[in-house]
Amino acid sequence: MKFHVPLGTLRDWEQGAKYPDTATRSYLHVIEKAPYIVMQALEG
């Protein structure tokens, strides 16, 4: 899991059972725009 989002959470979003909160939507937007920077930051 490159971005530390649990598989079950992704499944819920895809199926429309749940929706990401505001902070998570912001995180997803950053991943969309600069995935390599996020991966680098998460590597520690």
N, C-alpha and C. Protein backbone atom coordinates (compact mmCIF):
# COMPACT_ATOMS: atom_id res chain seq x y z
N MET A 1 0.84 -1.18 0.00
CA MET A 1 0.00 0.00 0.00
C MET A 1 0.88 1.24 0.00
N LYS A 2 1.08 1.79 -1.12
CA LYS A 2 1.97 2.94 -1.26
C LYS A 2 1.54 4.14 -0.45
N PHE A 3 0.24 4.37 -0.35
CA PHE A 3 -0.23 5.60 0.27
C PHE A 3 -0.91 5.37 1.62
N HIS A 4 -0.79 4.19 2.16
CA HIS A 4 -1.29 3.86 3.50
C HIS A 4 -2.80 4.03 3.64
N VAL A 5 -3.54 3.68 2.59
CA VAL A 5 -5.00 3.70 2.65
C VAL A 5 -5.45 2.24 2.65
N PRO A 6 -6.15 1.81 3.69
CA PRO A 6 -6.58 0.41 3.77
C PRO A 6 -7.45 0.00 2.58
N LEU A 7 -7.28 -1.23 2.14
CA LEU A 7 -8.01 -1.75 1.00
C LEU A 7 -9.53 -1.69 1.22
N GLY A 8 -9.97 -2.01 2.43
CA GLY A 8 -11.40 -1.95 2.73
C GLY A 8 -11.97 -0.55 2.59
N THR A 9 -11.17 0.44 2.96
CA THR A 9 -11.60 1.84 2.82
C THR A 9 -11.75 2.20 1.35
N LEU A 10 -10.78 1.82 0.54
CA LEU A 10 -10.86 2.08 -0.90
C LEU A 10 -12.10 1.40 -1.50
N ARG A 11 -12.34 0.19 -1.08
CA ARG A 11 -13.50 -0.55 -1.58
C ARG A 11 -14.80 0.18 -1.22
N ASP A 12 -14.89 0.65 0.02
CA ASP A 12 -16.09 1.39 0.44
C ASP A 12 -16.30 2.64 -0.40
N TRP A 13 -15.23 3.36 -0.67
CA TRP A 13 -15.34 4.57 -1.50
C TRP A 13 -15.80 4.21 -2.90
N GLU A 14 -15.20 3.17 -3.48
CA GLU A 14 -15.53 2.79 -4.85
C GLU A 14 -16.98 2.33 -4.96
N GLN A 15 -17.48 1.66 -3.93
CA GLN A 15 -18.84 1.15 -3.95
C GLN A 15 -19.87 2.18 -3.50
N GLY A 16 -19.40 3.34 -3.04
CA GLY A 16 -20.30 4.40 -2.60
C GLY A 16 -20.87 4.18 -1.21
N ALA A 17 -20.31 3.20 -0.48
CA ALA A 17 -20.79 2.93 0.88
C ALA A 17 -20.36 4.03 1.84
N LYS A 18 -19.22 4.63 1.58
CA LYS A 18 -18.70 5.72 2.40
C LYS A 18 -18.00 6.71 1.47
N TYR A 19 -17.78 7.90 1.99
CA TYR A 19 -17.10 8.94 1.22
C TYR A 19 -15.95 9.49 2.05
N PRO A 20 -14.83 9.83 1.39
CA PRO A 20 -13.70 10.38 2.14
C PRO A 20 -14.05 11.75 2.74
N ASP A 21 -13.52 12.00 3.94
CA ASP A 21 -13.75 13.30 4.58
C ASP A 21 -12.90 14.37 3.89
N THR A 22 -13.02 15.59 4.33
CA THR A 22 -12.35 16.72 3.69
C THR A 22 -10.83 16.56 3.69
N ALA A 23 -10.26 16.16 4.81
CA ALA A 23 -8.80 15.99 4.89
C ALA A 23 -8.34 14.89 3.94
N THR A 24 -9.09 13.81 3.87
CA THR A 24 -8.72 12.70 2.99
C THR A 24 -8.85 13.09 1.53
N ARG A 25 -9.87 13.85 1.21
CA ARG A 25 -10.02 14.33 -0.18
C ARG A 25 -8.83 15.22 -0.56
N SER A 26 -8.36 16.02 0.38
CA SER A 26 -7.18 16.85 0.12
C SER A 26 -5.95 15.98 -0.12
N TYR A 27 -5.79 14.95 0.72
CA TYR A 27 -4.68 14.01 0.57
C TYR A 27 -4.74 13.32 -0.79
N LEU A 28 -5.92 12.89 -1.20
CA LEU A 28 -6.07 12.24 -2.50
C LEU A 28 -5.75 13.20 -3.64
N HIS A 29 -6.10 14.45 -3.48
CA HIS A 29 -5.79 15.45 -4.51
C HIS A 29 -4.28 15.63 -4.64
N VAL A 30 -3.58 15.69 -3.52
CA VAL A 30 -2.12 15.81 -3.55
C VAL A 30 -1.51 14.57 -4.20
N ILE A 31 -2.02 13.39 -3.87
CA ILE A 31 -1.53 12.16 -4.50
C ILE A 31 -1.73 12.23 -6.02
N GLU A 32 -2.87 12.73 -6.43
CA GLU A 32 -3.16 12.84 -7.86
C GLU A 32 -2.17 13.77 -8.56
N LYS A 33 -1.84 14.89 -7.92
CA LYS A 33 -0.98 15.89 -8.54
C LYS A 33 0.52 15.58 -8.41
N ALA A 34 0.92 14.95 -7.29
CA ALA A 34 2.35 14.74 -7.03
C ALA A 34 2.58 13.42 -6.30
N PRO A 35 2.27 12.29 -6.95
CA PRO A 35 2.37 11.01 -6.25
C PRO A 35 3.78 10.69 -5.76
N TYR A 36 4.79 11.05 -6.52
CA TYR A 36 6.16 10.70 -6.12
C TYR A 36 6.62 11.48 -4.90
N ILE A 37 6.13 12.69 -4.76
CA ILE A 37 6.48 13.49 -3.56
C ILE A 37 5.82 12.88 -2.33
N VAL A 38 4.58 12.44 -2.46
CA VAL A 38 3.90 11.79 -1.34
C VAL A 38 4.61 10.50 -0.97
N MET A 39 4.97 9.69 -1.97
CA MET A 39 5.67 8.43 -1.69
C MET A 39 6.99 8.70 -0.99
N GLN A 40 7.70 9.72 -1.42
CA GLN A 40 8.97 10.07 -0.80
C GLN A 40 8.75 10.50 0.65
N ALA A 41 7.74 11.27 0.90
CA ALA A 41 7.46 11.73 2.28
C ALA A 41 7.08 10.56 3.18
N LEU A 42 6.37 9.59 2.65
CA LEU A 42 5.94 8.46 3.46
C LEU A 42 7.07 7.46 3.73
N GLU A 43 8.11 7.50 2.92
CA GLU A 43 9.25 6.60 3.13
C GLU A 43 10.01 6.94 4.41
N GLY A 44 9.88 8.15 4.86
CA GLY A 44 10.51 8.56 6.11
C GLY A 44 11.88 9.02 5.88
